[in-house]
Amino acid sequence: MKKRTIVLIGFIILKFLLQYILISPEYDLQRDEYLHLDQAHHLAWGYLSVPPVTSWISFLILLLGNSIFWIKFFPALFGALTILIVWKAIEELDGDLFALTTGATCVLFSAILALNTLYQPNSLDVLSWTAFYYCIIKYINSEKQKWLLLAAIVFAVGFLNKYNIIFLLLGVFPALVLSPQRKVFTCKGFYLAVLLALLLILPNLLWQYNNDFPVVRHMKELSRYQLVNVSREGFLKSQLLFFFGAAVVILSGLGALVLYRPFQKYRLFFWTFIFTLSIFIYFKAKDYYAIGVYPIYIAFGAVFLSRALSGDWKRYLRPFVIIIPLLVFFPMYKVAFPNNGPEYILKHQQQYKRLGRLRWEDGKDHALPQDFADMLGWKELAHKVDSIYTQLPTWSKTLVLCDNYGQAGAINYYSEKGIQAVSFNADYINWFVLNERYENLIRVKDYYDRDDELQQTGPYFHTGVAADSITNPNAREYRTTIFLFTGAKIDIRQRIKDEIVEERKY
């Protein structure tokens, strides 16, 4: 076995080990993960929240047992494949073992490591961006049409995973126009690739059309409630922090694309970088949307530095290029990952605050990082709903209705009674079962919207009581209340149908 192969296998093994040890058992899954897992029970060509690929992976996880191991395996796998593609890109650029080791180290000990701790579309999104850029490099070197077709397939998979990859095309196309590679527009293979990509994503486009383009509504909601709190300065600051340990390598790669003659034919990647980041900044995108941009530039930088530091005294600088990502990783180890419980974070709040880890999407600082607070209280909620549910004589005639998708998904995942909770939020609005009349209602309400629940819903039932609540003060769902209403006086299905119509209209 070649030395290169042994080193690569070592990085892949280390990648998987880190992904599993960087999550403390004190945490549950994160709210988005529950929704994605529930999509396995409702396979379709599209969803209100994400395209369909995540549901396909969730279905595979379900077949494998739906355990935490497999839930965390797939984002780790996509991260490992990202390292592999950067490795192959470096080989395509004629990089030596030092360049390969540098590239793998920079990718491994970057923000991608944190991204891969969560079962979300983001890990596959980064992999898709990296693979697409790799196909461009291969096409530039070979001019074989198969790489255009492979790029089309990669784009289609990326699109069916997360629409974010559209920003990649918005950055690549103007860069192509400015480069000698614009001759690709006269190539028949280019248009075959475009046609192939359109055919592959067509089912989702038709789903969007038939459902009145919910992606547009989703983007409007993001702009209204989340992106409004995103600043362009914060976006740029985060870009530096995401790959701080690899900054020298990335900047070297960008500089080499302009000044290093052997990279002249790849110069379109420099303009791609400029155009893509500019578009993200203009639209005030979330900072992590741009993570997929960087891995391929690590490949360029690693190869350039391996050559620039190859002679005389300069070769003694090589170890520092590899050590820097490690030195940056060690202090981040304590604050960037959910490997420390809430008590540790509360004792070291200033350290987390200095790095902006306590700033949530609402623009305010909180006690815990948002993702960490989103990983607490879910088992408690599910167990308490189960306890209330088992006290009812007519289980099958009880509706469990939640305020948000995290509550519904967590109950469905952890419930030992086979509960299928629903919500008017996200995709759950399409998953109501209204075949039979309900006699009881378990209503899970956000704490800030719970005060009038007994007055509003109580008149439709014989009894109503606030039965329990989330008591973990560190959970984002802290004080979420569980109401129990029994003995329906009316058929509540019509009210539910009316509410669904109103929500969809909104």
Protein backbone atom coordinates (compact mmCIF):
# COMPACT_ATOMS: atom_id res chain seq x y z
CA MET A 1 0.00 0.00 0.00
CA LYS A 2 1.35 3.42 -0.96
CA LYS A 3 2.37 5.88 1.72
CA ARG A 4 -0.14 8.39 0.37
CA THR A 5 -2.98 5.90 0.73
CA ILE A 6 -1.99 5.10 4.33
CA VAL A 7 -1.96 8.80 5.22
CA LEU A 8 -5.35 9.33 3.59
CA ILE A 9 -6.88 6.39 5.45
CA GLY A 10 -5.48 7.84 8.68
CA PHE A 11 -7.22 11.17 8.04
CA ILE A 12 -10.53 9.43 7.26
CA ILE A 13 -10.38 7.34 10.45
CA LEU A 14 -9.49 10.42 12.51
CA LYS A 15 -12.38 12.29 10.91
CA PHE A 16 -14.94 9.71 12.02
CA LEU A 17 -13.44 9.44 15.51
CA LEU A 18 -13.59 13.20 16.05
CA GLN A 19 -17.19 13.46 14.86
CA TYR A 20 -18.32 10.96 17.48
CA ILE A 21 -16.28 12.24 20.43
CA LEU A 22 -17.11 15.92 19.89
CA ILE A 23 -20.71 15.54 21.10
CA SER A 24 -21.38 15.26 24.84
CA PRO A 25 -24.02 12.66 25.85
CA GLU A 26 -25.71 15.43 27.85
CA TYR A 27 -27.23 16.72 24.62
CA ASP A 28 -30.17 15.42 22.61
CA LEU A 29 -30.44 15.81 18.86
CA GLN A 30 -30.84 19.31 17.45
CA ARG A 31 -34.32 20.57 16.52
CA ASP A 32 -33.77 20.46 12.74
CA GLU A 33 -32.61 16.85 12.92
CA TYR A 34 -35.99 15.67 14.20
CA LEU A 35 -37.80 17.22 11.24
CA HIS A 36 -35.39 15.68 8.76
CA LEU A 37 -35.78 12.25 10.36
CA ASP A 38 -39.58 12.49 10.26
CA GLN A 39 -39.46 13.13 6.52
CA ALA A 40 -38.53 9.45 6.09
CA HIS A 41 -42.17 8.65 6.92
CA HIS A 42 -43.48 11.07 4.28
CA LEU A 43 -41.34 10.60 1.16
CA ALA A 44 -42.00 13.17 -1.55
CA TRP A 45 -40.22 15.15 -4.26
CA GLY A 46 -40.15 18.25 -2.10
CA TYR A 47 -40.86 19.76 1.30
CA LEU A 48 -41.60 23.17 2.68
CA SER A 49 -38.25 23.22 4.46
CA VAL A 50 -35.77 21.39 2.20
CA PRO A 51 -35.54 19.53 -1.13
CA PRO A 52 -35.96 15.72 -1.09
CA VAL A 53 -32.45 14.25 -0.75
CA THR A 54 -32.45 14.58 3.04
CA SER A 55 -35.62 12.49 3.24
CA TRP A 56 -33.97 9.75 1.18
CA ILE A 57 -31.03 9.63 3.57
CA SER A 58 -33.46 9.66 6.51
CA PHE A 59 -35.28 6.68 5.00
CA LEU A 60 -31.97 4.81 4.80
CA ILE A 61 -31.27 5.73 8.44
CA LEU A 62 -34.72 4.41 9.34
CA LEU A 63 -33.98 1.11 7.62
CA LEU A 64 -30.70 0.90 9.55
CA GLY A 65 -32.50 1.30 12.88
CA ASN A 66 -32.83 5.09 13.31
CA SER A 67 -30.13 5.10 15.99
CA ILE A 68 -27.92 8.02 16.98
CA PHE A 69 -24.93 6.22 15.47
CA TRP A 70 -26.39 6.27 11.97
CA ILE A 71 -27.83 9.76 12.34
CA LYS A 72 -24.33 11.07 13.03
CA PHE A 73 -22.65 8.72 10.54
CA PHE A 74 -23.90 10.39 7.36
CA PRO A 75 -22.75 13.97 8.04
CA ALA A 76 -19.41 12.50 9.13
CA LEU A 77 -19.30 10.51 5.88
CA PHE A 78 -19.96 13.62 3.80
CA GLY A 79 -17.18 15.40 5.68
CA ALA A 80 -14.81 12.52 5.02
CA LEU A 81 -15.70 12.57 1.32
CA THR A 82 -14.98 16.31 1.26
CA ILE A 83 -11.47 15.56 2.53
CA LEU A 84 -11.15 12.84 -0.13
CA ILE A 85 -12.15 15.19 -2.97
CA VAL A 86 -9.75 17.90 -1.80
CA TRP A 87 -7.09 15.18 -1.70
CA LYS A 88 -7.92 14.16 -5.29
CA ALA A 89 -7.92 17.82 -6.39
CA ILE A 90 -4.43 18.25 -4.96
CA GLU A 91 -3.29 15.15 -6.85
CA GLU A 92 -4.82 16.59 -10.03
CA LEU A 93 -2.77 19.74 -9.43
CA ASP A 94 0.38 17.59 -9.07
CA GLY A 95 0.73 18.17 -5.35
CA ASP A 96 3.20 16.13 -3.30
CA LEU A 97 2.63 14.36 0.03
CA PHE A 98 3.22 17.60 1.93
CA ALA A 99 0.52 19.34 -0.11
CA LEU A 100 -1.85 16.43 0.44
CA THR A 101 -1.22 16.42 4.19
CA THR A 102 -1.62 20.20 4.36
CA GLY A 103 -4.91 20.14 2.49
CA ALA A 104 -6.38 17.30 4.53
CA THR A 105 -5.31 18.94 7.81
CA CYS A 106 -6.81 22.30 6.87
CA VAL A 107 -10.13 20.75 5.88
CA LEU A 108 -10.30 18.43 8.87
CA PHE A 109 -9.61 21.11 11.50
CA SER A 110 -11.99 23.74 10.15
CA ALA A 111 -15.61 24.80 10.58
CA ILE A 112 -16.59 21.75 8.55
CA LEU A 113 -15.84 19.67 11.65
CA ALA A 114 -18.56 21.48 13.59
CA LEU A 115 -20.92 21.41 10.61
CA ASN A 116 -20.58 17.63 10.40
CA THR A 117 -21.79 17.11 13.98
CA LEU A 118 -25.37 17.84 12.89
CA TYR A 119 -27.64 15.82 10.62
CA GLN A 120 -28.63 18.66 8.30
CA PRO A 121 -28.32 19.32 4.53
CA ASN A 122 -25.26 21.52 5.14
CA SER A 123 -22.69 18.71 5.16
CA LEU A 124 -23.78 17.35 1.79
CA ASP A 125 -24.01 20.94 0.53
CA VAL A 126 -20.30 21.53 1.23
CA LEU A 127 -19.44 18.21 -0.38
CA SER A 128 -21.48 19.12 -3.48
CA TRP A 129 -19.74 22.49 -3.90
CA THR A 130 -16.32 20.87 -3.54
CA ALA A 131 -17.14 18.06 -5.96
CA PHE A 132 -18.49 20.52 -8.56
CA TYR A 133 -15.32 22.61 -8.41
CA TYR A 134 -13.26 19.43 -8.71
CA CYS A 135 -15.15 18.51 -11.91
CA ILE A 136 -14.26 21.94 -13.34
CA ILE A 137 -10.56 21.34 -12.61
CA LYS A 138 -10.74 17.94 -14.29
CA TYR A 139 -12.49 19.43 -17.32
CA ILE A 140 -9.95 22.23 -17.66
CA ASN A 141 -7.12 19.67 -17.65
CA SER A 142 -8.73 17.08 -19.93
CA GLU A 143 -11.50 18.89 -21.86
CA LYS A 144 -13.42 15.62 -21.72
CA GLN A 145 -17.18 16.08 -21.83
CA LYS A 146 -17.74 13.43 -19.17
CA TRP A 147 -16.60 15.92 -16.53
CA LEU A 148 -19.28 18.38 -17.63
CA LEU A 149 -21.86 15.62 -17.30
CA LEU A 150 -20.51 14.64 -13.88
CA ALA A 151 -20.64 18.30 -12.85
CA ALA A 152 -24.30 18.33 -13.92
CA ILE A 153 -25.04 15.29 -11.77
CA VAL A 154 -23.21 16.81 -8.81
CA PHE A 155 -25.17 20.05 -9.23
CA ALA A 156 -28.46 18.15 -9.42
CA VAL A 157 -27.70 16.21 -6.24
CA GLY A 158 -26.65 19.45 -4.55
CA PHE A 159 -29.81 21.21 -5.75
CA LEU A 160 -32.04 18.36 -4.55
CA ASN A 161 -30.23 18.58 -1.23
CA LYS A 162 -30.19 22.36 -0.69
CA TYR A 163 -31.02 25.24 -3.02
CA ASN A 164 -27.96 27.08 -1.72
CA ILE A 165 -25.90 25.60 -4.56
CA ILE A 166 -27.60 28.04 -6.95
CA PHE A 167 -25.18 30.63 -5.55
CA LEU A 168 -22.34 28.48 -6.90
CA LEU A 169 -23.65 28.86 -10.44
CA LEU A 170 -24.17 32.59 -9.95
CA GLY A 171 -20.48 32.84 -9.12
CA VAL A 172 -19.13 30.43 -11.73
CA PHE A 173 -20.91 31.70 -14.85
CA PRO A 174 -19.62 35.29 -14.87
CA ALA A 175 -16.15 33.93 -14.05
CA LEU A 176 -16.37 31.64 -17.08
CA VAL A 177 -17.34 34.58 -19.28
CA LEU A 178 -14.22 36.47 -18.16
CA SER A 179 -11.85 33.54 -18.68
CA PRO A 180 -10.49 31.65 -21.70
CA GLN A 181 -12.68 28.75 -20.58
CA ARG A 182 -15.68 30.62 -22.00
CA LYS A 183 -15.14 28.48 -25.08
CA VAL A 184 -17.12 25.84 -23.15
CA PHE A 185 -20.25 27.71 -24.23
CA THR A 186 -19.56 26.53 -27.80
CA CYS A 187 -19.25 22.91 -26.70
CA LYS A 188 -22.16 20.54 -27.29
CA GLY A 189 -21.29 18.72 -24.08
CA PHE A 190 -22.03 21.86 -22.09
CA TYR A 191 -25.62 21.98 -23.29
CA LEU A 192 -26.05 18.25 -22.79
CA ALA A 193 -24.89 18.78 -19.21
CA VAL A 194 -27.37 21.63 -18.71
CA LEU A 195 -30.16 19.43 -20.09
CA LEU A 196 -29.13 16.54 -17.84
CA ALA A 197 -29.16 18.76 -14.75
CA LEU A 198 -32.60 20.12 -15.65
CA LEU A 199 -34.00 16.62 -16.16
CA LEU A 200 -32.67 15.47 -12.80
CA ILE A 201 -34.11 18.41 -10.86
CA LEU A 202 -37.35 18.58 -12.86
CA PRO A 203 -39.43 16.47 -10.42
CA ASN A 204 -38.64 18.91 -7.62
CA LEU A 205 -39.35 21.91 -9.85
CA LEU A 206 -42.73 20.40 -10.70
CA TRP A 207 -43.39 19.79 -7.00
CA GLN A 208 -42.56 23.42 -6.28
CA TYR A 209 -44.92 24.54 -9.05
CA ASN A 210 -47.77 22.30 -7.90
CA ASN A 211 -47.36 23.55 -4.33
CA ASP A 212 -47.20 27.26 -5.21
CA PHE A 213 -43.42 27.49 -4.76
CA PRO A 214 -43.11 27.18 -0.97
CA VAL A 215 -39.38 27.90 -1.31
CA VAL A 216 -40.32 31.51 -2.04
CA ARG A 217 -42.36 31.68 1.16
CA HIS A 218 -39.51 30.04 3.06
CA MET A 219 -37.03 32.65 1.80
CA LYS A 220 -39.42 35.46 2.74
CA GLU A 221 -39.71 34.05 6.26
CA LEU A 222 -35.93 33.81 6.51
CA SER A 223 -35.58 37.42 5.38
CA ARG A 224 -38.23 38.63 7.79
CA TYR A 225 -37.25 36.74 10.95
CA GLN A 226 -33.61 35.64 10.62
CA LEU A 227 -31.65 37.34 7.85
CA VAL A 228 -32.83 40.72 9.12
CA ASN A 229 -30.47 40.17 12.07
CA VAL A 230 -27.51 39.23 9.84
CA SER A 231 -24.91 41.94 9.25
CA ARG A 232 -22.45 42.01 6.39
CA GLU A 233 -19.64 42.75 8.86
CA GLY A 234 -20.62 39.70 10.89
CA PHE A 235 -20.68 37.59 7.74
CA LEU A 236 -17.12 38.59 6.82
CA LYS A 237 -15.88 38.06 10.37
CA SER A 238 -17.34 34.57 10.41
CA GLN A 239 -15.63 33.69 7.12
CA LEU A 240 -12.28 34.34 8.75
CA LEU A 241 -13.17 32.36 11.87
CA PHE A 242 -14.49 29.37 9.93
CA PHE A 243 -11.11 28.70 8.31
CA PHE A 244 -8.81 30.74 10.53
CA GLY A 245 -6.27 27.92 10.79
CA ALA A 246 -6.26 27.57 7.00
CA ALA A 247 -6.23 31.32 6.24
CA VAL A 248 -2.59 31.32 5.09
CA VAL A 249 -3.26 28.38 2.76
CA ILE A 250 -6.47 29.84 1.31
CA LEU A 251 -4.96 33.29 0.78
CA SER A 252 -1.91 31.68 -0.82
CA GLY A 253 -4.20 29.79 -3.15
CA LEU A 254 -6.08 32.94 -4.16
CA GLY A 255 -2.82 34.83 -4.72
CA ALA A 256 -1.38 31.95 -6.74
CA LEU A 257 -4.43 31.92 -9.00
CA VAL A 258 -3.52 35.48 -10.00
CA LEU A 259 0.29 35.50 -9.90
CA TYR A 260 1.53 31.91 -10.23
CA ARG A 261 2.00 31.04 -13.91
CA PRO A 262 1.30 27.26 -13.63
CA PHE A 263 -2.15 28.15 -12.21
CA GLN A 264 -2.97 30.60 -14.97
CA LYS A 265 -5.46 28.25 -16.64
CA TYR A 266 -7.37 27.99 -13.34
CA ARG A 267 -7.68 31.76 -12.92
CA LEU A 268 -11.48 31.60 -13.30
CA PHE A 269 -11.51 30.22 -9.73
CA PHE A 270 -10.24 33.56 -8.45
CA TRP A 271 -13.16 35.40 -10.06
CA THR A 272 -15.54 32.68 -8.95
CA PHE A 273 -14.48 33.35 -5.37
CA ILE A 274 -14.97 37.12 -5.75
CA PHE A 275 -18.36 36.85 -7.45
CA THR A 276 -19.74 34.19 -5.11
CA LEU A 277 -18.79 35.97 -1.89
CA SER A 278 -20.05 39.27 -3.29
CA ILE A 279 -23.44 37.72 -3.98
CA PHE A 280 -23.62 36.24 -0.49
CA ILE A 281 -22.71 39.60 1.02
CA TYR A 282 -25.24 41.47 -1.12
CA PHE A 283 -28.09 39.19 -0.04
CA LYS A 284 -26.94 39.25 3.62
CA ALA A 285 -26.79 35.46 3.69
CA LYS A 286 -26.15 33.43 6.82
CA ASP A 287 -22.43 33.03 7.36
CA TYR A 288 -22.34 29.23 7.08
CA TYR A 289 -23.98 29.29 3.62
CA ALA A 290 -20.54 30.10 2.17
CA ILE A 291 -18.54 27.30 3.83
CA GLY A 292 -18.67 25.21 0.64
CA VAL A 293 -16.67 27.88 -1.21
CA TYR A 294 -13.39 27.29 0.61
CA PRO A 295 -12.20 23.64 0.46
CA ILE A 296 -11.13 23.80 -3.21
CA TYR A 297 -9.02 26.91 -2.50
CA ILE A 298 -7.27 24.97 0.23
CA ALA A 299 -6.21 22.57 -2.53
CA PHE A 300 -4.74 25.38 -4.64
CA GLY A 301 -3.00 26.92 -1.64
CA ALA A 302 -1.55 23.62 -0.44
CA VAL A 303 -0.01 22.86 -3.83
CA PHE A 304 1.41 26.36 -4.23
CA LEU A 305 2.98 26.37 -0.74
CA SER A 306 4.46 22.91 -1.26
CA ARG A 307 6.34 24.30 -4.25
CA ALA A 308 7.14 27.72 -2.78
CA LEU A 309 8.59 26.10 0.37
CA SER A 310 10.58 23.38 -1.35
CA GLY A 311 14.06 24.82 -1.57
CA ASP A 312 16.94 25.64 0.77
CA TRP A 313 15.95 27.14 4.13
CA LYS A 314 12.29 27.54 3.11
CA ARG A 315 11.63 23.84 3.52
CA TYR A 316 11.99 24.36 7.29
CA LEU A 317 8.84 26.50 7.18
CA ARG A 318 6.74 23.59 5.94
CA PRO A 319 5.89 22.16 9.39
CA PHE A 320 4.42 25.50 10.47
CA VAL A 321 1.88 25.38 7.63
CA ILE A 322 0.53 22.11 9.05
CA ILE A 323 0.89 23.09 12.71
CA ILE A 324 -1.12 26.33 12.43
CA PRO A 325 -4.51 24.60 11.87
CA LEU A 326 -3.80 22.39 14.88
CA LEU A 327 -2.82 25.33 17.09
CA VAL A 328 -6.03 27.14 16.13
CA PHE A 329 -8.12 24.01 16.69
CA PHE A 330 -7.11 23.40 20.29
CA PRO A 331 -8.60 26.61 21.78
CA MET A 332 -11.68 26.21 19.55
CA TYR A 333 -12.09 22.65 20.81
CA LYS A 334 -13.62 23.99 24.02
CA VAL A 335 -16.12 26.42 22.50
CA ALA A 336 -17.07 25.41 18.95
CA PHE A 337 -18.42 21.93 19.61
CA PRO A 338 -21.10 20.48 21.93
CA ASN A 339 -18.45 18.49 23.78
CA ASN A 340 -18.95 20.38 27.05
CA GLY A 341 -22.16 20.35 29.05
CA PRO A 342 -24.22 23.45 29.90
CA GLU A 343 -22.60 23.85 33.33
CA TYR A 344 -19.15 24.24 31.78
CA ILE A 345 -20.45 26.83 29.30
CA LEU A 346 -22.17 28.83 32.03
CA LYS A 347 -18.89 29.00 33.95
CA HIS A 348 -16.97 30.22 30.89
CA GLN A 349 -19.51 32.56 29.33
CA GLN A 350 -17.07 35.38 28.63
CA GLN A 351 -14.91 33.08 26.55
CA TYR A 352 -17.92 32.05 24.46
CA LYS A 353 -19.18 35.62 24.20
CA ARG A 354 -15.85 36.97 22.90
CA LEU A 355 -16.08 34.53 20.00
CA GLY A 356 -19.70 35.46 19.27
CA ARG A 357 -20.94 31.98 20.19
CA LEU A 358 -23.78 33.29 22.37
CA ARG A 359 -25.35 35.43 19.62
CA TRP A 360 -28.55 33.86 18.28
CA GLU A 361 -30.51 34.48 15.10
CA ASP A 362 -32.64 37.02 16.98
CA GLY A 363 -29.54 39.22 17.24
CA LYS A 364 -29.29 38.86 21.04
CA ASP A 365 -26.84 37.12 23.37
CA HIS A 366 -28.10 34.14 25.39
CA ALA A 367 -26.73 31.79 28.04
CA LEU A 368 -25.78 29.00 25.59
CA PRO A 369 -24.96 28.88 21.88
CA GLN A 370 -28.17 28.53 19.91
CA ASP A 371 -27.37 25.09 18.48
CA PHE A 372 -26.53 23.81 21.96
CA ALA A 373 -29.73 25.18 23.52
CA ASP A 374 -31.57 23.55 20.62
CA MET A 375 -30.18 20.18 21.78
CA LEU A 376 -31.73 20.22 25.25
CA GLY A 377 -35.16 19.46 26.69
CA TRP A 378 -36.43 17.24 23.89
CA LYS A 379 -36.31 13.91 25.73
CA GLU A 380 -37.97 15.59 28.70
CA LEU A 381 -40.77 16.86 26.46
CA ALA A 382 -41.34 13.48 24.80
CA HIS A 383 -41.33 11.56 28.08
CA LYS A 384 -43.80 13.96 29.69
CA VAL A 385 -46.13 13.79 26.69
CA ASP A 386 -45.90 9.99 26.82
CA SER A 387 -46.80 10.06 30.51
CA ILE A 388 -49.86 12.23 29.89
CA TYR A 389 -50.84 10.19 26.85
CA THR A 390 -50.87 6.88 28.76
CA GLN A 391 -53.32 8.28 31.32
CA LEU A 392 -56.01 8.66 28.67
CA PRO A 393 -58.44 5.77 28.09
CA THR A 394 -58.73 6.48 24.35
CA TRP A 395 -55.19 6.78 23.00
CA SER A 396 -56.14 6.44 19.35
CA LYS A 397 -58.55 9.36 19.62
CA THR A 398 -55.98 11.82 20.99
CA LEU A 399 -54.32 14.47 18.85
CA VAL A 400 -50.89 15.76 19.87
CA LEU A 401 -50.57 19.26 18.40
CA CYS A 402 -47.37 21.29 18.78
CA ASP A 403 -46.36 24.88 18.13
CA ASN A 404 -43.18 24.12 16.17
CA TYR A 405 -41.54 21.37 14.16
CA GLY A 406 -38.86 20.70 16.80
CA GLN A 407 -41.47 19.79 19.41
CA ALA A 408 -43.41 17.54 17.04
CA GLY A 409 -40.30 15.83 15.67
CA ALA A 410 -38.77 15.21 19.09
CA ILE A 411 -41.97 13.66 20.41
CA ASN A 412 -42.20 11.41 17.35
CA TYR A 413 -38.56 10.34 17.67
CA TYR A 414 -38.40 9.66 21.42
CA SER A 415 -41.98 8.57 22.09
CA GLU A 416 -42.31 5.00 23.34
CA LYS A 417 -46.06 5.01 22.66
CA GLY A 418 -45.94 5.48 18.90
CA ILE A 419 -47.23 9.04 19.07
CA GLN A 420 -47.31 10.94 15.78
CA ALA A 421 -47.41 14.59 16.81
CA VAL A 422 -48.18 17.29 14.25
CA SER A 423 -47.92 21.04 13.97
CA PHE A 424 -49.05 23.88 11.72
CA ASN A 425 -45.33 24.67 11.42
CA ALA A 426 -43.04 23.59 8.55
CA ASP A 427 -43.79 20.29 6.79
CA TYR A 428 -46.01 18.99 9.58
CA ILE A 429 -48.86 21.08 8.21
CA ASN A 430 -49.12 18.48 5.42
CA TRP A 431 -49.00 15.46 7.73
CA PHE A 432 -52.25 15.70 9.69
CA VAL A 433 -54.37 12.53 9.83
CA LEU A 434 -58.02 13.56 9.99
CA ASN A 435 -59.80 10.30 9.19
CA GLU A 436 -61.49 9.91 12.59
CA ARG A 437 -62.91 12.27 15.17
CA TYR A 438 -60.64 13.21 18.08
CA GLU A 439 -61.87 13.21 21.67
CA ASN A 440 -58.75 14.57 23.37
CA LEU A 441 -56.05 17.08 22.61
CA ILE A 442 -52.53 17.33 23.99
CA ARG A 443 -51.41 20.84 23.10
CA VAL A 444 -47.71 21.76 23.31
CA LYS A 445 -47.34 25.54 23.45
CA ASP A 446 -44.32 27.85 23.39
CA TYR A 447 -44.01 29.58 26.75
CA TYR A 448 -44.45 33.08 25.34
CA ASP A 449 -47.75 32.07 23.71
CA ARG A 450 -49.27 29.89 26.41
CA ASP A 451 -51.18 32.30 28.66
CA ASP A 452 -54.47 32.33 26.72
CA GLU A 453 -54.52 28.67 25.72
CA LEU A 454 -57.02 27.53 28.36
CA GLN A 455 -59.38 30.38 27.48
CA GLN A 456 -59.10 29.88 23.73
CA THR A 457 -59.22 26.07 23.50
CA GLY A 458 -60.93 25.15 26.80
CA PRO A 459 -64.52 25.96 25.68
CA TYR A 460 -64.36 23.20 23.04
CA PHE A 461 -63.63 20.48 25.64
CA HIS A 462 -65.16 19.34 28.90
CA THR A 463 -61.87 19.65 30.79
CA GLY A 464 -58.64 21.53 30.23
CA VAL A 465 -55.51 21.81 32.34
CA ALA A 466 -51.86 22.83 32.09
CA ALA A 467 -50.47 19.37 32.76
CA ASP A 468 -46.70 19.90 32.68
CA SER A 469 -43.84 21.95 31.21
CA ILE A 470 -40.17 21.81 30.24
CA THR A 471 -38.11 22.51 33.35
CA ASN A 472 -34.55 22.50 31.93
CA PRO A 473 -33.55 26.20 32.19
CA ASN A 474 -30.78 25.77 29.60
CA ALA A 475 -33.11 24.48 26.89
CA ARG A 476 -34.39 26.77 24.19
CA GLU A 477 -37.78 25.19 24.91
CA TYR A 478 -37.62 26.10 28.60
CA ARG A 479 -41.12 26.61 30.05
CA THR A 480 -42.81 25.18 26.97
CA THR A 481 -46.15 24.03 28.38
CA ILE A 482 -48.10 20.82 27.79
CA PHE A 483 -51.87 21.32 27.97
CA LEU A 484 -54.35 18.45 28.19
CA PHE A 485 -57.92 18.84 26.94
CA THR A 486 -60.36 15.92 27.22
CA GLY A 487 -63.90 15.25 26.07
CA ALA A 488 -64.29 17.26 22.87
CA LYS A 489 -67.67 19.02 22.63
CA ILE A 490 -67.31 19.46 18.86
CA ASP A 491 -65.59 17.77 15.97
CA ILE A 492 -62.28 19.66 16.10
CA ARG A 493 -61.23 18.39 12.68
CA GLN A 494 -63.06 21.21 10.91
CA ARG A 495 -61.26 23.82 13.01
CA ILE A 496 -57.96 22.11 12.17
CA LYS A 497 -58.80 22.13 8.46
CA ASP A 498 -59.67 25.83 8.64
CA GLU A 499 -56.40 26.56 10.42
CA ILE A 500 -54.44 24.63 7.78
CA VAL A 501 -56.11 26.68 5.05
CA GLU A 502 -55.29 29.91 6.87
CA GLU A 503 -51.67 28.91 7.43
CA ARG A 504 -51.18 27.95 3.80
CA LYS A 505 -52.79 31.19 2.69
CA TYR A 506 -50.45 33.14 4.98
